[in-house]
C-alpha atoms as a PDB file:
ATOM      1  CA  MET A   1       0.000   0.000   0.000  1.00  0.00           C
ATOM      2  CA  LEU A   2       2.798   2.416   0.888  1.00  0.00           C
ATOM      3  CA  ALA A   3       4.611   1.599  -2.367  1.00  0.00           C
ATOM      4  CA  ALA A   4       1.499   2.484  -4.366  1.00  0.00           C
ATOM      5  CA  MET A   5       1.113   5.765  -2.473  1.00  0.00           C
ATOM      6  CA  SER A   6       4.750   6.719  -3.008  1.00  0.00           C
ATOM      7  CA  GLY A   7       4.449   5.898  -6.729  1.00  0.00           C
ATOM      8  CA  MET A   8       1.408   8.153  -7.018  1.00  0.00           C
ATOM      9  CA  GLU A   9       3.219  10.938  -5.145  1.00  0.00           C
ATOM     10  CA  ARG A  10       6.236  10.643  -7.451  1.00  0.00           C
ATOM     11  CA  GLU A  11       3.993  10.947 -10.526  1.00  0.00           C
ATOM     12  CA  TYR A  12       2.268  13.977  -8.992  1.00  0.00           C
ATOM     13  CA  ILE A  13       5.607  15.701  -8.331  1.00  0.00           C
ATOM     14  CA  ARG A  14       6.801  14.889 -11.860  1.00  0.00           C
ATOM     15  CA  ASP A  15       3.628  16.297 -13.418  1.00  0.00           C
ATOM     16  CA  ARG A  16       3.861  19.500 -11.390  1.00  0.00           C
ATOM     17  CA  THR A  17       7.526  19.925 -12.342  1.00  0.00           C
ATOM     18  CA  LEU A  18       6.739  19.505 -16.041  1.00  0.00           C
ATOM     19  CA  GLU A  19       3.887  22.011 -15.733  1.00  0.00           C
ATOM     20  CA  GLY A  20       6.285  24.479 -14.104  1.00  0.00           C
ATOM     21  CA  HIS A  21       8.806  24.043 -16.926  1.00  0.00           C
ATOM     22  CA  GLU A  22       6.082  24.576 -19.526  1.00  0.00           C
ATOM     23  CA  SER A  23       4.880  27.709 -17.733  1.00  0.00           C
ATOM     24  CA  ALA A  24       8.434  29.074 -17.575  1.00  0.00           C
ATOM     25  CA  ARG A  25       8.972  28.447 -21.305  1.00  0.00           C
ATOM     26  CA  LYS A  26       5.754  30.318 -22.109  1.00  0.00           C
ATOM     27  CA  ARG A  27       7.090  33.275 -20.110  1.00  0.00           C
ATOM     28  CA  GLY A  28      10.336  33.183 -22.100  1.00  0.00           C
ATOM     29  CA  LYS A  29      12.533  31.655 -19.407  1.00  0.00           C
ATOM     30  CA  THR A  30      15.178  29.101 -20.295  1.00  0.00           C
ATOM     31  CA  ILE A  31      15.534  25.822 -18.473  1.00  0.00           C
ATOM     32  CA  GLY A  32      19.039  24.567 -17.681  1.00  0.00           C
ATOM     33  CA  GLY A  33      22.429  26.065 -17.162  1.00  0.00           C
ATOM     34  CA  ALA A  34      24.050  28.947 -18.974  1.00  0.00           C
ATOM     35  CA  GLY A  35      25.684  28.239 -22.304  1.00  0.00           C
ATOM     36  CA  VAL A  36      29.456  28.060 -22.365  1.00  0.00           C
ATOM     37  CA  THR A  37      30.063  28.051 -26.113  1.00  0.00           C
ATOM     38  CA  ASP A  38      30.701  31.046 -28.355  1.00  0.00           C
ATOM     39  CA  ASP A  39      31.546  31.705 -31.999  1.00  0.00           C
ATOM     40  CA  ASP A  40      35.315  31.635 -31.401  1.00  0.00           C
ATOM     41  CA  MET A  41      35.040  28.259 -29.703  1.00  0.00           C
ATOM     42  CA  LEU A  42      32.911  26.946 -32.575  1.00  0.00           C
ATOM     43  CA  SER A  43      35.360  28.088 -35.238  1.00  0.00           C
ATOM     44  CA  MET A  44      38.273  26.492 -33.360  1.00  0.00           C
ATOM     45  CA  ALA A  45      36.308  23.256 -32.906  1.00  0.00           C
ATOM     46  CA  LEU A  46      35.484  23.172 -36.629  1.00  0.00           C
ATOM     47  CA  HIS A  47      39.152  23.712 -37.484  1.00  0.00           C
ATOM     48  CA  LEU A  48      40.240  20.907 -35.147  1.00  0.00           C
ATOM     49  CA  ARG A  49      37.516  18.583 -36.470  1.00  0.00           C
ATOM     50  CA  ASP A  50      38.821  19.189 -40.008  1.00  0.00           C
ATOM     51  CA  GLN A  51      42.176  17.901 -38.753  1.00  0.00           C
ATOM     52  CA  GLU A  52      40.316  14.690 -37.741  1.00  0.00           C
ATOM     53  CA  MET A  53      40.884  15.099 -34.008  1.00  0.00           C
ATOM     54  CA  SER A  54      38.660  13.205 -31.566  1.00  0.00           C
ATOM     55  CA  LEU A  55      35.962  14.988 -29.564  1.00  0.00           C
ATOM     56  CA  ARG A  56      37.951  14.439 -26.376  1.00  0.00           C
ATOM     57  CA  ASP A  57      41.088  15.988 -27.895  1.00  0.00           C
ATOM     58  CA  ILE A  58      39.075  18.925 -29.242  1.00  0.00           C
ATOM     59  CA  ALA A  59      37.504  19.500 -25.809  1.00  0.00           C
ATOM     60  CA  ASP A  60      40.953  19.423 -24.183  1.00  0.00           C
ATOM     61  CA  ARG A  61      42.180  22.206 -26.488  1.00  0.00           C
ATOM     62  CA  LEU A  62      39.170  24.501 -26.060  1.00  0.00           C
ATOM     63  CA  VAL A  63      38.799  26.873 -23.098  1.00  0.00           C
ATOM     64  CA  ILE A  64      35.585  28.417 -21.764  1.00  0.00           C
ATOM     65  CA  THR A  65      35.943  32.207 -21.768  1.00  0.00           C
ATOM     66  CA  THR A  66      32.899  33.401 -19.791  1.00  0.00           C
ATOM     67  CA  GLY A  67      30.792  32.572 -16.763  1.00  0.00           C
ATOM     68  CA  LYS A  68      31.483  30.474 -13.694  1.00  0.00           C
ATOM     69  CA  LYS A  69      33.403  27.884 -15.696  1.00  0.00           C
ATOM     70  CA  LYS A  70      35.807  30.427 -17.194  1.00  0.00           C
ATOM     71  CA  GLY A  71      39.212  28.854 -17.788  1.00  0.00           C
ATOM     72  CA  GLN A  72      37.904  25.275 -17.766  1.00  0.00           C
ATOM     73  CA  HIS A  73      37.540  22.942 -20.722  1.00  0.00           C
ATOM     74  CA  PRO A  74      34.110  22.028 -22.118  1.00  0.00           C
ATOM     75  CA  SER A  75      33.049  18.396 -21.984  1.00  0.00           C
ATOM     76  CA  PRO A  76      33.235  16.236 -25.112  1.00  0.00           C
ATOM     77  CA  ALA A  77      29.421  16.101 -25.015  1.00  0.00           C
ATOM     78  CA  THR A  78      29.268  19.908 -25.173  1.00  0.00           C
ATOM     79  CA  VAL A  79      31.637  19.913 -28.142  1.00  0.00           C
ATOM     80  CA  MET A  80      29.584  17.227 -29.885  1.00  0.00           C
ATOM     81  CA  ARG A  81      26.345  19.160 -29.290  1.00  0.00           C
ATOM     82  CA  MET A  82      27.902  22.421 -30.523  1.00  0.00           C
ATOM     83  CA  LEU A  83      29.186  20.774 -33.724  1.00  0.00           C
ATOM     84  CA  ARG A  84      25.915  18.908 -34.333  1.00  0.00           C
ATOM     85  CA  GLU A  85      23.874  22.117 -33.968  1.00  0.00           C
ATOM     86  CA  HIS A  86      26.228  23.873 -36.383  1.00  0.00           C
ATOM     87  CA  ASP A  87      25.917  21.037 -38.918  1.00  0.00           C
ATOM     88  CA  GLU A  88      22.108  21.058 -38.634  1.00  0.00           C
ATOM     89  CA  GLN A  89      21.966  24.836 -39.156  1.00  0.00           C
ATOM     90  CA  ALA A  90      24.310  24.572 -42.143  1.00  0.00           C
ATOM     91  CA  ALA A  91      22.155  21.810 -43.676  1.00  0.00           C
ATOM     92  CA  THR A  92      18.990  23.859 -43.148  1.00  0.00           C
ATOM     93  CA  ALA A  93      20.592  26.955 -44.696  1.00  0.00           C
ATOM     94  CA  ALA A  94      21.850  24.920 -47.674  1.00  0.00           C
ATOM     95  CA  SER A  95      18.429  23.438 -48.374  1.00  0.00           C
ATOM     96  CA  THR A  96      16.730  26.850 -48.292  1.00  0.00           C
END
């Protein structure tokens, strides 16, 4: 009985959280942390990718220039996301 009650409570909390996120998006708020990438970082990452370096090696050569993480290296996942978004935008622009 207690397991069923806790499962229902968890679903209720999840639903309320998702509603809060939706409400924040409608008001123009962003969900998540601040972005750490910029145009200079993107151009360097593209240059290093053209030299066939791995994502981990690219991330080790890049440095975050703003915010709380200034001076640190971005994660390989951040580099991959940045490059993927660039490629998607380039493909969209080319097809238009």
